[in-house]
Amino acid sequence: MKEFYIEDMTSQLRGVAKSEGLVYFIKGAVLGDTVTITNEVKKKSFIEADVLEIVSPSEFRVEGVSDEAILSSLSYEKEFEWKINGLKMNLKKMAGLDVDVEEYMAKALTHYRDNTQVKVARGANGLVNIGYFEEGTNTVVDSEEMLYMNKEALSVYKGLRKFVKENYKGYDWKAKKGDIKDLVFRNNEKDELMIIFVSHDEIVIDIEKLKAAIDMSKVKSIYLNINDKSDKVLYGRKFTKLYGENSLSVNILGLDFKIYPQTFLQVNLEMMDVLYKKALEYLGDSAEMDVLELYSGIGTISLCAAKEAKSVTAVEVVEASVKSADENAEANGIKNAKFIHAKAEDAINRVLKEKTYDAVIVDPPRKGLDKKVVEMLNASGIEKIVYISCNHASLARDIALMSGVYRVERVAAVDMFARSPHVETVALLSKLIIARNRISVKIDTNEEDLTGSESKATYSQIKKYVLDNFNLKVSTLYIAQMFDKFGLKTRINYNKSKKDNAKVPVCTPKKERAITEALVYYQMIWYIKLIYFLDDRRNSIVFFMKEREW
């Protein structure tokens, strides 16, 4: 029988083999396996198949510990290497980048999730199955062991299984009828728990009977949610608290956040700290920075950044998340963070007109940035973008769309999702005209040239341009300092005080950039952006020159 060597894996965790000009995607095979196949299905450009026999196991195979994930059969070192290679391939293929990736492997391979969903189904002969979906089906595999569930939640889950099986019928996923369809466990770093029952029908849960069935020592709250509308989303609109507190408190980098049943939060608390620390490292010294965040959720990154930043403005589409963010800001005593309820693509134009920002943090959903957001960021003049992504394909696409304005400085991969094909990525992008090393070019000019150049705009015109476009007020002194910097003729005594040793205010970097833009706009200076390559990294040198000299 024909044998196939697995040379790669797809993001759907199919082994990739090639034979006689054909590509095979083989379910049940991992990198390095040699297998025979069955159940071949021909598609337009490839063939799908299942493993019939593993003829020669991969040297990277380990004994599988769960049917929940095929990657549990692959050594974690090889899994992580495969993830990094996939990230690099997308950056190369879609954005033309060869980059060194900072690598952060998962600290735990099992029981790391702080949010676990368990499926409940009405099985044959009236039995209730509780576990996870068999891949590609709506058939629930009954399982008492959950590989990725928090250990404290797992101990409660085992008692809860018995309670549900004895008192409810479960949900018929084909007929779309029944009662309990999902059990959700949320936990914090203290292993305190929130339990959410999701039911299609209105049901009654006997809390006293439930208390007798499970260990309640770590259970802080219990909710019932009714979802009779769609199986495509987890929750319906109606939540009823059955027991305990309204929320669960989660500590992130020293700040406390209230988590409600529907609150979005990264699923791996331990690695989330690693991710956020890296994002804040990329943001840099932010004491004098006005920071914008898009897709801000309940304000986890925003508020962590606000501890050091001058100010943070955050935009989020989910109204409940914005309310939670305001609540979390107040609870943590943070007053320099503002949260706006809007779609990022709808708000960004208004937000950028109202204020000038030094940096922006984006943490979009898997589809990446909206096209309008990309366009507005390209035109914004913001120096620095910290891009957090759960999908490096959309990250690479967006980097390519911004490559004419921004360059990638650093990239880090943080494995939040061990034993899955996903990896979180954070990238630092810097504006191309902001070079690491500027080259000063002195150009001799005569009086006539200077006068002709200066006459193109008055001080009042420059002030108005800066105010209209950057919402900044600049003094005549600051404009004169910039004239001097670029060799333009200035009026007398604007840069000097009549007093000895008097302190002269110095134009801030933000206002320098705004005045420079005005001088370019009025053609008092020109700039040429020269791109050179050194060690495969893109860099830029900016020459500022008088118009007539060029």
Protein backbone atom coordinates (compact mmCIF):
# COMPACT_ATOMS: atom_id res chain seq x y z
CA MET A 1 0.00 0.00 0.00
CA LYS A 2 1.22 3.51 -0.84
CA GLU A 3 2.88 5.38 1.99
CA PHE A 4 2.87 9.15 2.63
CA TYR A 5 5.44 11.20 4.54
CA ILE A 6 4.02 14.15 6.49
CA GLU A 7 6.18 17.19 5.79
CA ASP A 8 3.97 19.92 7.24
CA MET A 9 0.63 20.61 8.92
CA THR A 10 -2.23 22.94 8.05
CA SER A 11 -3.84 25.42 10.43
CA GLN A 12 -6.74 22.91 10.57
CA LEU A 13 -4.22 20.36 11.91
CA ARG A 14 -4.15 18.11 8.88
CA GLY A 15 -0.89 16.45 7.95
CA VAL A 16 0.43 17.65 4.58
CA ALA A 17 1.93 15.10 2.18
CA LYS A 18 2.83 15.33 -1.51
CA SER A 19 2.85 12.54 -4.06
CA GLU A 20 2.93 12.50 -7.86
CA GLY A 21 2.19 16.20 -8.09
CA LEU A 22 -0.79 15.98 -5.73
CA VAL A 23 -1.21 17.47 -2.25
CA TYR A 24 -2.86 15.42 0.49
CA PHE A 25 -4.38 16.76 3.72
CA ILE A 26 -4.50 13.81 6.12
CA LYS A 27 -6.48 13.78 9.35
CA GLY A 28 -4.76 12.09 12.29
CA ALA A 29 -1.18 12.56 11.08
CA VAL A 30 1.48 14.82 12.59
CA LEU A 31 4.81 16.19 11.37
CA GLY A 32 7.27 13.45 10.52
CA ASP A 33 4.80 10.56 10.39
CA THR A 34 4.81 8.07 7.53
CA VAL A 35 1.26 6.79 7.03
CA THR A 36 -1.10 4.92 4.80
CA ILE A 37 -4.47 6.51 4.13
CA THR A 38 -8.16 5.76 3.64
CA ASN A 39 -11.40 7.63 2.91
CA GLU A 40 -9.88 9.72 0.13
CA VAL A 41 -11.98 12.64 -1.07
CA LYS A 42 -10.82 14.51 -4.16
CA LYS A 43 -11.19 18.29 -4.11
CA LYS A 44 -10.31 20.78 -6.83
CA SER A 45 -6.66 21.25 -5.87
CA PHE A 46 -6.01 18.68 -3.13
CA ILE A 47 -7.13 15.36 -1.66
CA GLU A 48 -8.51 14.87 1.85
CA ALA A 49 -7.96 11.57 3.64
CA ASP A 50 -7.80 9.86 7.01
CA VAL A 51 -4.92 7.91 8.50
CA LEU A 52 -5.33 4.18 8.00
CA GLU A 53 -2.08 3.16 9.70
CA ILE A 54 0.95 4.96 11.09
CA VAL A 55 3.68 2.95 9.37
CA SER A 56 6.53 4.87 10.93
CA PRO A 57 5.77 7.26 13.81
CA SER A 58 7.38 10.67 13.76
CA GLU A 59 10.45 11.16 15.94
CA PHE A 60 8.50 14.11 17.38
CA ARG A 61 5.52 11.99 18.43
CA VAL A 62 4.68 11.65 22.09
CA GLU A 63 2.00 9.50 23.64
CA GLY A 64 -1.30 11.29 23.06
CA VAL A 65 -3.01 12.35 26.26
CA SER A 66 -6.40 13.40 24.90
CA ASP A 67 -8.68 13.15 21.90
CA GLU A 68 -9.40 16.86 22.38
CA ALA A 69 -6.36 17.85 20.29
CA ILE A 70 -4.21 16.04 17.73
CA LEU A 71 -1.30 18.28 18.74
CA SER A 72 -1.16 16.47 22.08
CA SER A 73 0.52 13.70 20.06
CA LEU A 74 3.36 16.02 18.96
CA SER A 75 6.21 17.15 21.19
CA TYR A 76 5.55 20.67 22.39
CA GLU A 77 8.96 21.87 21.19
CA LYS A 78 8.10 20.79 17.64
CA GLU A 79 4.59 22.25 17.93
CA PHE A 80 5.99 25.63 18.95
CA GLU A 81 8.61 25.53 16.18
CA TRP A 82 5.82 24.83 13.67
CA LYS A 83 3.83 27.80 14.99
CA ILE A 84 6.83 30.14 14.70
CA ASN A 85 7.52 28.92 11.17
CA GLY A 86 3.90 29.62 10.24
CA LEU A 87 4.16 33.17 11.60
CA LYS A 88 7.41 33.82 9.73
CA MET A 89 5.98 32.35 6.52
CA ASN A 90 2.98 34.69 6.60
CA LEU A 91 5.15 37.73 7.32
CA LYS A 92 7.45 36.78 4.43
CA LYS A 93 4.75 35.80 1.96
CA MET A 94 2.26 38.58 2.65
CA ALA A 95 4.43 41.45 3.90
CA GLY A 96 7.86 40.65 2.41
CA LEU A 97 9.49 40.57 5.84
CA ASP A 98 12.33 38.46 7.17
CA VAL A 99 12.26 39.11 10.90
CA ASP A 100 13.68 37.69 14.08
CA VAL A 101 10.81 36.62 16.31
CA GLU A 102 11.06 36.86 20.09
CA GLU A 103 9.70 33.54 21.35
CA TYR A 104 7.70 32.89 24.52
CA MET A 105 6.67 29.28 24.96
CA ALA A 106 3.64 28.29 27.02
CA LYS A 107 4.31 27.84 30.73
CA ALA A 108 1.67 25.09 31.01
CA LEU A 109 0.43 22.61 28.41
CA THR A 110 -2.68 21.47 30.28
CA HIS A 111 -5.32 22.97 32.59
CA TYR A 112 -4.39 26.54 31.61
CA ARG A 113 -7.74 27.91 30.43
CA ASP A 114 -9.60 30.48 32.55
CA ASN A 115 -12.73 30.11 30.39
CA THR A 116 -13.89 26.63 29.36
CA GLN A 117 -17.10 25.69 27.54
CA VAL A 118 -18.51 22.18 27.92
CA LYS A 119 -21.20 20.87 25.57
CA VAL A 120 -24.32 19.05 26.79
CA ALA A 121 -26.35 16.84 24.45
CA ARG A 122 -29.34 14.51 24.55
CA GLY A 123 -27.92 11.17 23.52
CA ALA A 124 -29.36 7.82 22.51
CA ASN A 125 -31.75 6.04 24.87
CA GLY A 126 -32.25 9.24 26.86
CA LEU A 127 -28.66 9.41 28.06
CA VAL A 128 -27.06 12.83 28.52
CA ASN A 129 -23.58 13.32 27.06
CA ILE A 130 -21.38 16.05 28.53
CA GLY A 131 -18.00 16.87 27.00
CA TYR A 132 -16.83 18.29 23.70
CA PHE A 133 -17.87 18.14 20.05
CA GLU A 134 -16.35 15.41 17.93
CA GLU A 135 -14.39 17.26 15.25
CA GLY A 136 -16.52 18.44 12.36
CA THR A 137 -19.80 17.26 13.93
CA ASN A 138 -22.41 18.28 16.47
CA THR A 139 -22.01 14.94 18.24
CA VAL A 140 -20.90 15.39 21.83
CA VAL A 141 -18.20 13.05 23.13
CA ASP A 142 -18.98 12.27 26.77
CA SER A 143 -15.87 12.98 28.81
CA GLU A 144 -15.16 13.35 32.51
CA GLU A 145 -11.62 14.55 31.80
CA MET A 146 -11.10 17.99 30.27
CA LEU A 147 -7.47 18.51 29.31
CA TYR A 148 -7.40 22.30 29.34
CA MET A 149 -9.91 23.18 32.07
CA ASN A 150 -8.61 24.82 35.24
CA LYS A 151 -7.96 22.10 37.86
CA GLU A 152 -10.29 23.60 40.47
CA ALA A 153 -13.01 23.94 37.82
CA LEU A 154 -12.38 20.34 36.78
CA SER A 155 -13.02 19.03 40.28
CA VAL A 156 -16.33 20.93 40.39
CA TYR A 157 -17.18 19.83 36.83
CA LYS A 158 -17.09 16.16 37.82
CA GLY A 159 -19.78 16.69 40.44
CA LEU A 160 -21.74 18.99 38.15
CA ARG A 161 -21.84 16.30 35.45
CA LYS A 162 -23.70 13.99 37.78
CA PHE A 163 -26.11 16.76 38.81
CA VAL A 164 -26.99 17.59 35.20
CA LYS A 165 -27.29 13.98 34.07
CA GLU A 166 -29.68 13.20 36.93
CA ASN A 167 -31.90 16.28 36.60
CA TYR A 168 -31.98 17.40 32.95
CA LYS A 169 -32.48 15.99 29.47
CA GLY A 170 -29.81 17.92 27.63
CA TYR A 171 -30.06 19.57 24.22
CA ASP A 172 -30.78 17.96 20.85
CA TRP A 173 -28.30 19.79 18.59
CA LYS A 174 -29.96 18.48 15.41
CA ALA A 175 -33.60 19.12 16.31
CA LYS A 176 -32.69 22.41 18.07
CA LYS A 177 -34.71 21.69 21.20
CA GLY A 178 -34.13 20.71 24.80
CA ASP A 179 -32.78 22.30 27.95
CA ILE A 180 -29.12 22.63 29.02
CA LYS A 181 -26.77 22.97 26.04
CA ASP A 182 -23.59 24.41 27.56
CA LEU A 183 -21.79 24.60 30.88
CA VAL A 184 -19.24 27.42 31.17
CA PHE A 185 -16.53 27.66 33.81
CA ARG A 186 -14.60 30.89 34.42
CA ASN A 187 -11.83 31.26 36.97
CA ASN A 188 -9.35 33.84 38.22
CA GLU A 189 -5.74 33.54 39.38
CA LYS A 190 -6.98 32.46 42.83
CA ASP A 191 -8.94 29.55 41.26
CA GLU A 192 -12.22 31.18 42.29
CA LEU A 193 -15.03 30.12 39.98
CA MET A 194 -18.02 31.45 38.09
CA ILE A 195 -20.39 28.84 36.60
CA ILE A 196 -22.85 29.63 33.82
CA PHE A 197 -25.63 27.24 32.74
CA VAL A 198 -26.76 27.91 29.16
CA SER A 199 -30.19 26.48 28.33
CA HIS A 200 -32.43 26.54 25.27
CA ASP A 201 -35.62 26.26 27.35
CA GLU A 202 -36.55 28.11 30.52
CA ILE A 203 -35.51 25.83 33.38
CA VAL A 204 -35.35 25.86 37.15
CA ILE A 205 -32.07 25.03 38.87
CA ASP A 206 -32.39 23.92 42.46
CA ILE A 207 -29.45 25.72 44.03
CA GLU A 208 -29.64 23.85 47.33
CA LYS A 209 -29.56 20.53 45.49
CA LEU A 210 -26.65 21.81 43.39
CA LYS A 211 -24.74 22.90 46.49
CA ALA A 212 -25.05 19.37 47.83
CA ALA A 213 -23.69 17.91 44.60
CA ILE A 214 -20.50 19.99 44.19
CA ASP A 215 -17.71 21.52 46.27
CA MET A 216 -18.83 25.14 46.70
CA SER A 217 -15.73 26.40 48.52
CA LYS A 218 -14.33 28.16 45.44
CA VAL A 219 -17.60 28.98 43.67
CA LYS A 220 -18.22 32.74 43.81
CA SER A 221 -21.21 33.04 41.46
CA ILE A 222 -23.64 30.97 39.39
CA TYR A 223 -25.68 32.27 36.45
CA LEU A 224 -28.37 30.91 34.15
CA ASN A 225 -28.47 32.14 30.55
CA ILE A 226 -31.31 31.43 28.12
CA ASN A 227 -30.28 31.11 24.46
CA ASP A 228 -33.20 29.95 22.31
CA LYS A 229 -32.18 31.90 19.21
CA SER A 230 -28.96 30.55 17.75
CA ASP A 231 -26.40 27.81 18.21
CA LYS A 232 -23.81 29.99 16.44
CA VAL A 233 -23.34 32.15 19.53
CA LEU A 234 -22.83 30.92 23.06
CA TYR A 235 -25.08 33.26 24.99
CA GLY A 236 -28.54 34.71 24.61
CA ARG A 237 -29.53 38.10 26.01
CA LYS A 238 -31.11 36.94 29.27
CA PHE A 239 -28.83 36.31 32.28
CA THR A 240 -30.17 35.47 35.72
CA LYS A 241 -27.89 35.35 38.73
CA LEU A 242 -28.72 32.28 40.82
CA TYR A 243 -26.05 32.51 43.50
CA GLY A 244 -23.27 34.67 44.90
CA GLU A 245 -21.54 37.74 43.57
CA ASN A 246 -22.27 39.65 40.36
CA SER A 247 -18.72 39.35 39.04
CA LEU A 248 -15.39 37.60 39.42
CA SER A 249 -12.30 39.69 40.20
CA VAL A 250 -9.18 39.04 38.09
CA ASN A 251 -5.83 40.68 38.81
CA ILE A 252 -3.82 41.72 35.75
CA LEU A 253 -0.41 43.34 36.26
CA GLY A 254 -1.45 44.68 39.63
CA LEU A 255 -4.90 45.97 38.63
CA ASP A 256 -8.22 44.35 39.54
CA PHE A 257 -10.81 43.78 36.82
CA LYS A 258 -14.42 42.69 37.24
CA ILE A 259 -15.35 39.81 34.96
CA TYR A 260 -18.98 39.10 34.09
CA PRO A 261 -20.34 36.00 32.29
CA GLN A 262 -20.04 37.52 28.80
CA THR A 263 -16.82 39.51 29.38
CA PHE A 264 -14.07 38.85 26.83
CA LEU A 265 -10.71 38.03 28.40
CA GLN A 266 -7.65 36.19 27.15
CA VAL A 267 -8.07 32.51 28.02
CA ASN A 268 -4.63 32.02 29.60
CA LEU A 269 -4.05 34.31 32.58
CA GLU A 270 -0.41 33.37 33.08
CA MET A 271 0.58 33.98 29.46
CA MET A 272 -1.65 37.07 29.26
CA ASP A 273 0.69 38.74 31.74
CA VAL A 274 3.62 37.86 29.45
CA LEU A 275 1.77 39.26 26.42
CA TYR A 276 0.77 42.52 28.10
CA LYS A 277 4.23 43.11 29.57
CA LYS A 278 5.69 42.69 26.09
CA ALA A 279 3.13 45.09 24.57
CA LEU A 280 3.93 47.70 27.22
CA GLU A 281 7.65 47.17 26.64
CA TYR A 282 7.09 47.88 22.95
CA LEU A 283 5.12 51.00 23.88
CA GLY A 284 8.20 52.24 25.70
CA ASP A 285 8.57 55.16 28.09
CA SER A 286 5.08 56.60 27.95
CA ALA A 287 5.21 59.22 30.71
CA GLU A 288 4.76 62.02 28.15
CA MET A 289 2.65 60.00 25.71
CA ASP A 290 -0.97 60.40 24.72
CA VAL A 291 -1.95 56.83 23.78
CA LEU A 292 -4.89 55.62 21.71
CA GLU A 293 -6.20 52.05 21.90
CA LEU A 294 -8.62 50.51 19.42
CA TYR A 295 -10.67 47.37 20.18
CA SER A 296 -10.09 47.92 23.89
CA GLY A 297 -12.60 45.49 25.46
CA ILE A 298 -12.99 46.00 29.20
CA GLY A 299 -9.83 48.12 29.30
CA THR A 300 -7.26 45.56 30.38
CA ILE A 301 -4.42 46.88 28.22
CA SER A 302 -5.67 50.48 28.31
CA LEU A 303 -5.66 50.68 32.09
CA CYS A 304 -2.32 48.89 32.41
CA ALA A 305 -0.87 51.44 29.97
CA ALA A 306 -2.56 54.32 31.80
CA LYS A 307 -0.52 53.59 34.94
CA GLU A 308 2.50 55.09 33.15
CA ALA A 309 1.12 57.09 30.21
CA LYS A 310 0.14 60.75 30.22
CA SER A 311 -3.30 59.78 28.93
CA VAL A 312 -5.12 56.90 27.25
CA THR A 313 -8.17 57.10 24.99
CA ALA A 314 -9.79 53.76 24.15
CA VAL A 315 -12.47 52.76 21.63
CA GLU A 316 -14.66 49.66 21.99
CA VAL A 317 -17.77 48.54 20.08
CA VAL A 318 -19.45 46.51 22.88
CA GLU A 319 -21.34 48.87 25.15
CA ALA A 320 -21.25 46.52 28.15
CA SER A 321 -17.45 46.31 27.84
CA VAL A 322 -17.18 50.12 27.84
CA LYS A 323 -19.27 50.28 31.00
CA SER A 324 -17.02 47.61 32.57
CA ALA A 325 -13.93 49.57 31.52
CA ASP A 326 -15.24 52.73 33.22
CA GLU A 327 -16.06 50.66 36.30
CA ASN A 328 -12.60 49.10 36.33
CA ALA A 329 -10.91 52.50 35.91
CA GLU A 330 -12.81 53.90 38.89
CA ALA A 331 -12.13 50.82 41.04
CA ASN A 332 -8.39 51.12 40.36
CA GLY A 333 -8.26 54.88 40.87
CA ILE A 334 -7.21 55.59 37.28
CA LYS A 335 -8.36 59.00 36.06
CA ASN A 336 -6.33 59.53 32.89
CA ALA A 337 -8.19 56.94 30.78
CA LYS A 338 -11.23 57.72 28.62
CA PHE A 339 -13.42 55.03 27.02
CA ILE A 340 -15.57 55.60 23.93
CA HIS A 341 -18.41 53.35 22.78
CA ALA A 342 -18.11 53.06 18.98
CA LYS A 343 -16.80 50.93 16.15
CA ALA A 344 -13.13 51.62 15.60
CA GLU A 345 -13.72 52.42 11.93
CA ASP A 346 -16.51 54.87 12.81
CA ALA A 347 -14.69 56.66 15.62
CA ILE A 348 -11.10 56.86 14.43
CA ASN A 349 -11.49 59.92 12.17
CA ARG A 350 -13.20 61.95 14.91
CA VAL A 351 -10.80 60.76 17.61
CA LEU A 352 -7.71 61.68 15.57
CA LYS A 353 -9.11 65.14 14.80
CA GLU A 354 -9.79 65.87 18.46
CA LYS A 355 -6.31 65.04 19.69
CA THR A 356 -2.77 64.24 18.58
CA TYR A 357 -1.50 60.84 19.74
CA ASP A 358 2.05 59.61 20.16
CA ALA A 359 1.22 55.89 19.95
CA VAL A 360 -1.67 53.56 19.24
CA ILE A 361 -2.34 50.05 20.54
CA VAL A 362 -4.60 47.81 18.47
CA ASP A 363 -5.96 44.40 19.50
CA PRO A 364 -8.49 43.53 16.78
CA PRO A 365 -10.53 40.34 16.34
CA ARG A 366 -9.26 37.54 14.10
CA LYS A 367 -10.27 39.34 10.90
CA GLY A 368 -7.77 42.10 11.68
CA LEU A 369 -8.08 45.85 11.17
CA ASP A 370 -10.92 47.38 9.21
CA LYS A 371 -9.71 48.90 5.93
CA LYS A 372 -10.75 52.39 7.06
CA VAL A 373 -8.73 52.00 10.25
CA VAL A 374 -5.64 51.08 8.23
CA GLU A 375 -6.13 54.12 5.96
CA MET A 376 -6.58 56.49 8.89
CA LEU A 377 -3.54 55.14 10.74
CA ASN A 378 -1.45 55.57 7.61
CA ALA A 379 -2.51 59.21 7.41
CA SER A 380 -2.37 59.90 11.16
CA GLY A 381 1.27 60.76 11.65
CA ILE A 382 1.32 58.65 14.82
CA GLU A 383 4.89 57.55 15.49
CA LYS A 384 4.33 54.10 16.95
CA ILE A 385 1.82 51.25 16.62
CA VAL A 386 1.72 48.27 18.99
CA TYR A 387 -0.31 45.59 17.18
CA ILE A 388 -1.58 42.59 19.19
CA SER A 389 -2.97 39.80 17.02
CA CYS A 390 -4.55 36.38 17.50
CA ASN A 391 -4.28 35.69 13.74
CA HIS A 392 -0.90 36.30 12.14
CA ALA A 393 -2.36 36.00 8.63
CA SER A 394 -4.45 39.15 9.11
CA LEU A 395 -1.55 40.76 10.98
CA ALA A 396 0.76 40.18 8.00
CA ARG A 397 -1.89 41.54 5.62
CA ASP A 398 -2.28 44.73 7.67
CA ILE A 399 1.48 45.19 7.98
CA ALA A 400 1.72 44.99 4.20
CA LEU A 401 -1.03 47.63 3.85
CA MET A 402 0.89 49.96 6.18
CA SER A 403 4.37 49.25 4.82
CA GLY A 404 4.56 52.52 2.89
CA VAL A 405 4.26 54.46 6.14
CA TYR A 406 5.40 52.12 8.92
CA ARG A 407 8.21 49.64 9.33
CA VAL A 408 8.26 46.62 11.61
CA GLU A 409 10.78 47.04 14.40
CA ARG A 410 10.10 43.98 16.57
CA VAL A 411 7.86 40.91 16.63
CA ALA A 412 7.13 38.55 19.51
CA ALA A 413 5.15 35.30 19.60
CA VAL A 414 3.46 34.42 22.89
CA ASP A 415 1.92 30.96 23.05
CA MET A 416 -1.38 31.46 24.83
CA PHE A 417 -2.92 28.33 23.31
CA ALA A 418 -0.73 25.27 23.84
CA ARG A 419 -1.93 22.19 21.94
CA SER A 420 -3.84 24.31 19.45
CA PRO A 421 -2.72 25.79 16.12
CA HIS A 422 -2.99 29.35 17.41
CA VAL A 423 -0.32 31.70 18.77
CA GLU A 424 -0.65 35.30 19.91
CA THR A 425 1.63 37.84 18.23
CA VAL A 426 2.63 41.37 19.18
CA ALA A 427 4.42 43.64 16.71
CA LEU A 428 5.99 47.07 17.05
CA LEU A 429 5.65 49.36 14.04
CA SER A 430 7.41 52.72 13.75
CA LYS A 431 6.72 55.55 11.33
CA LEU A 432 9.16 55.41 8.45
CA ILE A 433 10.17 59.08 8.57
CA ILE A 434 11.27 58.65 12.17
CA ALA A 435 14.74 57.20 11.64
CA ARG A 436 16.82 55.66 14.35
CA ASN A 437 19.80 57.74 13.28
CA ARG A 438 19.27 61.03 11.54
CA ILE A 439 21.92 62.44 9.27
CA SER A 440 22.33 66.19 9.51
CA VAL A 441 22.97 67.90 6.22
CA LYS A 442 24.18 71.51 6.28
CA ILE A 443 23.27 73.50 3.21
CA ASP A 444 24.74 76.90 2.56
CA THR A 445 22.13 79.35 1.41
CA ASN A 446 22.15 83.02 0.72
CA GLU A 447 19.94 85.73 2.15
CA GLU A 448 17.76 85.92 -0.93
CA ASP A 449 16.90 82.22 -0.74
CA LEU A 450 16.02 82.43 2.96
CA THR A 451 13.79 85.42 2.48
CA GLY A 452 12.01 83.81 -0.43
CA SER A 453 11.42 80.67 1.55
CA GLU A 454 10.23 82.41 4.68
CA SER A 455 7.81 84.58 2.77
CA LYS A 456 5.66 81.58 1.88
CA ALA A 457 3.88 81.57 5.26
CA THR A 458 3.52 83.93 8.17
CA TYR A 459 3.81 82.92 11.79
CA SER A 460 0.04 83.29 12.13
CA GLN A 461 -0.56 80.95 9.19
CA ILE A 462 1.73 78.33 10.67
CA LYS A 463 0.00 78.60 14.06
CA LYS A 464 -3.39 78.18 12.41
CA TYR A 465 -2.25 75.15 10.39
CA VAL A 466 -0.91 73.43 13.52
CA LEU A 467 -4.07 74.19 15.49
CA ASP A 468 -6.41 73.02 12.70
CA ASN A 469 -4.53 69.83 11.91
CA PHE A 470 -3.01 68.81 15.24
CA ASN A 471 -5.17 70.61 17.80
CA LEU A 472 -1.99 72.11 19.27
CA LYS A 473 -1.17 75.70 20.14
CA VAL A 474 2.39 76.74 19.33
CA SER A 475 4.13 79.95 20.20
CA THR A 476 6.07 82.25 17.91
CA LEU A 477 9.16 81.26 19.89
CA TYR A 478 8.69 77.58 19.00
CA ILE A 479 8.21 78.41 15.31
CA ALA A 480 11.35 80.53 15.38
CA GLN A 481 13.28 77.64 16.96
CA MET A 482 12.19 75.38 14.11
CA PHE A 483 13.13 78.05 11.55
CA ASP A 484 16.58 78.09 13.10
CA LYS A 485 16.78 74.31 13.07
CA PHE A 486 16.17 74.19 9.33
CA GLY A 487 18.33 77.24 8.48
CA LEU A 488 15.42 79.54 7.71
CA LYS A 489 15.67 83.23 8.51
CA THR A 490 14.06 84.20 11.81
CA ARG A 491 13.01 87.44 13.33
CA ILE A 492 15.38 89.00 15.81
CA ASN A 493 15.45 88.00 19.49
CA TYR A 494 12.81 85.28 19.44
CA ASN A 495 15.32 82.69 20.61
CA LYS A 496 17.16 84.85 23.14
CA SER A 497 16.24 86.45 26.41
CA LYS A 498 17.57 89.86 27.46
CA LYS A 499 18.31 88.38 30.91
CA ASP A 500 21.50 86.50 31.54
CA ASN A 501 21.11 82.75 32.16
CA ALA A 502 17.36 82.94 31.59
CA LYS A 503 15.59 79.68 30.85
CA VAL A 504 14.24 79.52 27.31
CA PRO A 505 11.30 77.16 26.70
CA VAL A 506 12.20 74.40 24.23
CA CYS A 507 9.76 73.14 21.64
CA THR A 508 8.47 69.65 22.52
CA PRO A 509 8.93 66.75 20.05
CA LYS A 510 5.19 66.62 19.38
CA LYS A 511 5.06 70.32 18.50
CA GLU A 512 8.29 70.01 16.48
CA ARG A 513 6.59 67.43 14.28
CA ALA A 514 3.50 69.59 13.86
CA ILE A 515 5.49 72.70 12.92
CA THR A 516 7.64 70.63 10.54
CA GLU A 517 4.49 69.39 8.79
CA ALA A 518 3.36 72.99 8.43
CA LEU A 519 6.70 74.03 6.92
CA VAL A 520 6.47 71.17 4.44
CA TYR A 521 2.85 72.10 3.63
CA TYR A 522 3.84 75.69 2.86
CA GLN A 523 6.85 74.44 0.87
CA MET A 524 9.31 76.24 3.09
CA ILE A 525 11.21 72.97 3.37
CA TRP A 526 11.12 69.75 1.40
CA TYR A 527 11.93 66.33 2.68
CA ILE A 528 13.22 63.33 0.82
CA LYS A 529 12.84 59.87 2.28
CA LEU A 530 15.69 57.56 1.26
CA ILE A 531 15.27 53.90 2.11
CA TYR A 532 18.32 51.70 2.56
CA PHE A 533 18.72 48.11 3.65
CA LEU A 534 21.16 46.89 6.24
CA ASP A 535 21.20 43.31 7.53
CA ASP A 536 17.83 42.74 5.84
CA ARG A 537 16.16 45.40 8.02
CA ARG A 538 14.48 48.37 6.45
CA ASN A 539 15.66 51.74 7.71
CA SER A 540 15.04 55.28 6.58
CA ILE A 541 17.10 58.44 6.48
CA VAL A 542 15.31 61.74 6.34
CA PHE A 543 16.93 64.76 4.70
CA PHE A 544 15.23 68.09 5.32
CA MET A 545 16.18 70.58 2.63
CA LYS A 546 15.10 73.99 1.46
CA GLU A 547 12.90 73.88 -1.57
CA ARG A 548 15.21 75.87 -3.84
CA GLU A 549 18.26 73.87 -2.93
CA TRP A 550 16.55 70.67 -4.04
